[in-house]
Amino acid sequence: MVDHTGALHQLGRELFASSEWERLWQISLSNPLDLARLTVFDRTLGGPCITTIADRSMSGGALGIPGHGVGRYDAGDRAVFRPLHYCSSSFMIGLPDSETRAVVQMSAAHLEALVKLIAETPHHSLGPALKAVRNKIDETTRGQIGRLVDISNDAKHRFDQAKDTHLFPAEDAVLTYFVCRRLAQRLYPLVRLSTDLGVFSV
C-alpha cells in the first residue's frame, strides 16, 4: 500500500522553499480547512488557482454549479484546466471529506493532461504518458511526477478502504493539489495552449 502522506511530504519539501513548506503544511493540517490562508498561499504561486480559474461574477459556467462561475480558460484547453475548476469548487465549499478523493484525482488530472500534450499521447494515462516524454521533460521533474502515479491511480481505482471512511484525508488532498500546481508550472512552457496564462493574473 502506498504511503500517500509520506510521499506527498517528501515531494512538498523538494518543491517548496522551507518557509513555503512550513506554511503549506500548517494549512494542510487546519481543521476546519483554513480557506482564507489556503487561497492566499495559492495565489502566491501565480497562474491558474482556486480564486482565478473562473470568473465568479458570471453565471452559467460549464460546471453548472451555482456560484462557481465561468472558466477563464479557452474551450480548447478544457482537459488541462477544467480539473482545476473542479478542485476550486471542492475547496470553496470547505473541502468536506466527501470531496478529498475528487481533489486528489482532479489535481493529478491537470498534470496528466499536460504530460499527455507534451507526449502527444492523448489516450494514455499518466504513467504511460510519462514514459513517452523522456527527451522532453527533465529527469528530476519526471521522477517527481512519477511518484504521483500511484497516488493518481489509487484516487481513480482504489475503493478498498475501511467501510464509511475515506482513502484520502484532507491533508493529502491539499498537498496533492499544491504539489501538482508547482509541477504544472514547469510544464506550461513545454505545451502550446490556446489560453493566455495572463488571464489568471486578476
Protein backbone atom coordinates (compact mmCIF):
# COMPACT_ATOMS: atom_id res chain seq x y z
CA MET A 1 0.00 0.00 0.00
CA VAL A 2 1.31 3.46 -0.94
CA ASP A 3 2.07 5.84 1.92
CA HIS A 4 0.34 8.78 0.28
CA THR A 5 1.07 11.26 3.06
CA GLY A 6 4.75 10.36 3.31
CA ALA A 7 5.23 10.62 -0.46
CA LEU A 8 3.46 13.99 -0.55
CA HIS A 9 5.51 15.35 2.34
CA GLN A 10 8.73 14.41 0.57
CA LEU A 11 7.59 16.00 -2.68
CA GLY A 12 6.45 19.11 -0.85
CA ARG A 13 9.85 19.55 0.77
CA GLU A 14 11.55 19.18 -2.59
CA LEU A 15 9.26 21.53 -4.50
CA PHE A 16 8.81 24.35 -1.98
CA ALA A 17 11.26 26.50 -0.08
CA SER A 18 11.37 25.67 3.63
CA SER A 19 9.31 28.74 4.58
CA GLU A 20 6.71 27.90 1.92
CA TRP A 21 6.60 24.27 3.02
CA GLU A 22 6.01 25.26 6.64
CA ARG A 23 3.06 27.45 5.61
CA LEU A 24 1.65 24.77 3.34
CA TRP A 25 1.98 22.01 5.93
CA GLN A 26 0.19 24.09 8.56
CA ILE A 27 -2.61 24.89 6.10
CA SER A 28 -2.97 21.21 5.20
CA LEU A 29 -3.50 20.35 8.88
CA SER A 30 -6.10 23.04 9.56
CA ASN A 31 -9.44 21.61 10.70
CA PRO A 32 -11.77 23.00 9.58
CA LEU A 33 -9.88 23.97 6.46
CA ASP A 34 -8.46 27.49 6.70
CA LEU A 35 -9.74 28.55 3.29
CA ALA A 36 -8.53 32.14 3.64
CA ARG A 37 -4.91 31.10 4.28
CA LEU A 38 -5.11 28.42 1.61
CA THR A 39 -6.32 30.78 -1.12
CA VAL A 40 -3.75 33.45 -0.20
CA PHE A 41 -0.95 30.87 -0.42
CA ASP A 42 -2.39 29.54 -3.68
CA ARG A 43 -2.28 32.98 -5.28
CA THR A 44 1.38 33.45 -4.35
CA LEU A 45 2.23 30.61 -6.75
CA GLY A 46 0.80 32.54 -9.71
CA GLY A 47 -1.08 31.11 -12.67
CA PRO A 48 -4.47 29.40 -12.52
CA CYS A 49 -5.59 28.85 -8.95
CA ILE A 50 -8.66 28.37 -6.77
CA THR A 51 -9.70 32.02 -6.92
CA THR A 52 -8.71 32.83 -10.51
CA ILE A 53 -9.59 29.72 -12.53
CA ALA A 54 -13.12 31.07 -13.02
CA ASP A 55 -14.87 34.41 -13.14
CA ARG A 56 -17.41 34.09 -10.33
CA SER A 57 -19.14 37.32 -11.30
CA MET A 58 -20.56 35.44 -14.29
CA SER A 59 -23.22 32.73 -14.08
CA GLY A 60 -23.92 29.73 -16.27
CA GLY A 61 -20.43 28.23 -16.29
CA ALA A 62 -19.62 24.81 -17.70
CA LEU A 63 -19.69 23.15 -14.29
CA GLY A 64 -23.29 24.23 -13.81
CA ILE A 65 -22.69 24.79 -10.10
CA PRO A 66 -24.25 28.00 -8.77
CA GLY A 67 -21.62 30.49 -7.64
CA HIS A 68 -18.69 28.76 -9.31
CA GLY A 69 -18.63 30.98 -12.37
CA VAL A 70 -17.33 30.71 -15.89
CA GLY A 71 -13.87 29.30 -16.53
CA ARG A 72 -11.30 31.83 -17.72
CA TYR A 73 -9.63 29.20 -19.91
CA ASP A 74 -10.17 28.67 -23.62
CA ALA A 75 -12.58 25.88 -24.55
CA GLY A 76 -9.77 24.10 -26.40
CA ASP A 77 -7.87 23.74 -23.14
CA ARG A 78 -10.72 22.16 -21.16
CA ALA A 79 -8.78 18.96 -20.49
CA VAL A 80 -5.97 20.95 -18.87
CA PHE A 81 -7.88 23.50 -16.82
CA ARG A 82 -11.27 22.02 -16.01
CA PRO A 83 -9.76 19.68 -13.39
CA LEU A 84 -8.52 22.79 -11.53
CA HIS A 85 -12.02 24.26 -11.84
CA TYR A 86 -13.39 21.16 -10.12
CA CYS A 87 -10.72 21.44 -7.40
CA SER A 88 -11.71 25.06 -6.87
CA SER A 89 -15.34 24.04 -6.38
CA SER A 90 -14.36 21.43 -3.78
CA PHE A 91 -12.16 23.85 -1.86
CA MET A 92 -14.69 26.69 -1.94
CA ILE A 93 -17.24 24.56 -0.10
CA GLY A 94 -14.67 23.82 2.62
CA LEU A 95 -13.28 20.51 1.33
CA PRO A 96 -15.65 18.11 3.11
CA ASP A 97 -14.44 14.52 3.46
CA SER A 98 -16.60 13.52 0.51
CA GLU A 99 -14.52 15.77 -1.77
CA THR A 100 -10.97 14.76 -0.81
CA ARG A 101 -10.67 11.94 -3.35
CA ALA A 102 -12.01 14.23 -6.07
CA VAL A 103 -9.37 16.87 -5.32
CA VAL A 104 -6.58 14.29 -5.47
CA GLN A 105 -7.93 12.86 -8.71
CA MET A 106 -8.54 16.23 -10.38
CA SER A 107 -5.18 17.67 -9.29
CA ALA A 108 -3.44 14.70 -10.90
CA ALA A 109 -5.70 15.00 -13.96
CA HIS A 110 -4.43 18.56 -14.50
CA LEU A 111 -0.85 17.28 -14.50
CA GLU A 112 -1.78 14.26 -16.62
CA ALA A 113 -3.36 16.45 -19.30
CA LEU A 114 -0.16 18.48 -19.60
CA VAL A 115 2.06 15.39 -19.78
CA LYS A 116 -0.18 13.89 -22.47
CA LEU A 117 0.08 17.07 -24.55
CA ILE A 118 3.86 17.00 -24.27
CA ALA A 119 3.98 13.28 -25.08
CA GLU A 120 1.37 13.63 -27.84
CA THR A 121 -0.38 10.56 -26.44
CA PRO A 122 -3.96 11.73 -25.84
CA HIS A 123 -5.31 8.32 -24.83
CA HIS A 124 -2.64 7.34 -22.29
CA SER A 125 -2.92 7.67 -18.54
CA LEU A 126 -0.25 9.48 -16.52
CA GLY A 127 2.18 6.56 -16.11
CA PRO A 128 2.42 5.52 -19.77
CA ALA A 129 2.42 9.14 -20.97
CA LEU A 130 5.31 9.91 -18.63
CA LYS A 131 7.37 7.12 -20.19
CA ALA A 132 6.88 8.76 -23.60
CA VAL A 133 8.41 12.12 -22.60
CA ARG A 134 11.92 11.04 -21.63
CA ASN A 135 13.53 13.54 -24.02
CA LYS A 136 11.09 16.38 -23.37
CA ILE A 137 10.86 16.73 -19.58
CA ASP A 138 13.94 16.93 -17.35
CA GLU A 139 14.81 13.88 -15.30
CA THR A 140 14.13 15.48 -11.90
CA THR A 141 10.65 16.62 -12.89
CA ARG A 142 9.87 13.26 -14.50
CA GLY A 143 10.88 11.49 -11.31
CA GLN A 144 8.76 13.75 -9.13
CA ILE A 145 5.72 13.32 -11.37
CA GLY A 146 6.39 9.58 -11.40
CA ARG A 147 5.96 9.48 -7.62
CA LEU A 148 2.41 10.77 -8.10
CA VAL A 149 1.38 7.95 -10.44
CA ASP A 150 0.39 5.50 -7.69
CA ILE A 151 -1.49 8.25 -5.82
CA SER A 152 -3.34 9.18 -9.02
CA ASN A 153 -4.18 5.54 -9.76
CA ASP A 154 -5.42 4.99 -6.21
CA ALA A 155 -7.68 8.04 -6.47
CA LYS A 156 -9.19 6.60 -9.63
CA HIS A 157 -9.36 2.91 -8.80
CA ARG A 158 -8.96 2.04 -5.10
CA PHE A 159 -12.08 1.68 -3.04
CA ASP A 160 -10.98 -0.95 -0.54
CA GLN A 161 -10.53 1.36 2.44
CA ALA A 162 -12.47 0.60 5.61
CA LYS A 163 -16.25 0.95 5.33
CA ASP A 164 -17.51 4.52 5.83
CA THR A 165 -14.00 6.01 5.73
CA HIS A 166 -12.18 7.99 3.08
CA LEU A 167 -8.98 6.91 1.36
CA PHE A 168 -7.53 10.44 1.38
CA PRO A 169 -7.61 12.76 4.40
CA ALA A 170 -7.89 16.50 3.79
CA GLU A 171 -4.14 16.84 4.35
CA ASP A 172 -3.41 14.58 1.38
CA ALA A 173 -5.87 16.44 -0.82
CA VAL A 174 -4.36 19.84 -0.01
CA LEU A 175 -0.80 18.61 -0.52
CA THR A 176 -1.62 16.83 -3.78
CA TYR A 177 -3.23 19.98 -5.14
CA PHE A 178 -0.20 22.14 -4.38
CA VAL A 179 2.38 19.57 -5.48
CA CYS A 180 0.56 19.27 -8.82
CA ARG A 181 0.27 23.06 -9.11
CA ARG A 182 4.00 23.51 -8.64
CA LEU A 183 4.91 20.72 -11.06
CA ALA A 184 2.44 22.03 -13.65
CA GLN A 185 4.26 25.36 -13.66
CA ARG A 186 7.33 23.57 -15.00
CA LEU A 187 5.26 22.02 -17.79
CA TYR A 188 3.32 25.05 -19.06
CA PRO A 189 6.28 26.31 -21.13
CA LEU A 190 6.51 22.92 -22.84
CA VAL A 191 2.95 22.90 -24.22
CA ARG A 192 1.09 25.02 -26.72
CA LEU A 193 -2.05 26.29 -25.05
CA SER A 194 -4.83 28.39 -26.54
CA THR A 195 -5.27 30.09 -23.18
CA ASP A 196 -3.05 33.06 -22.36
CA LEU A 197 -1.94 32.33 -18.78
CA GLY A 198 -2.09 36.06 -18.16
CA VAL A 199 -5.88 35.80 -17.90
CA PHE A 200 -5.40 34.24 -14.45
CA SER A 201 -3.50 37.27 -13.12
CA VAL A 202 -6.57 39.01 -11.73
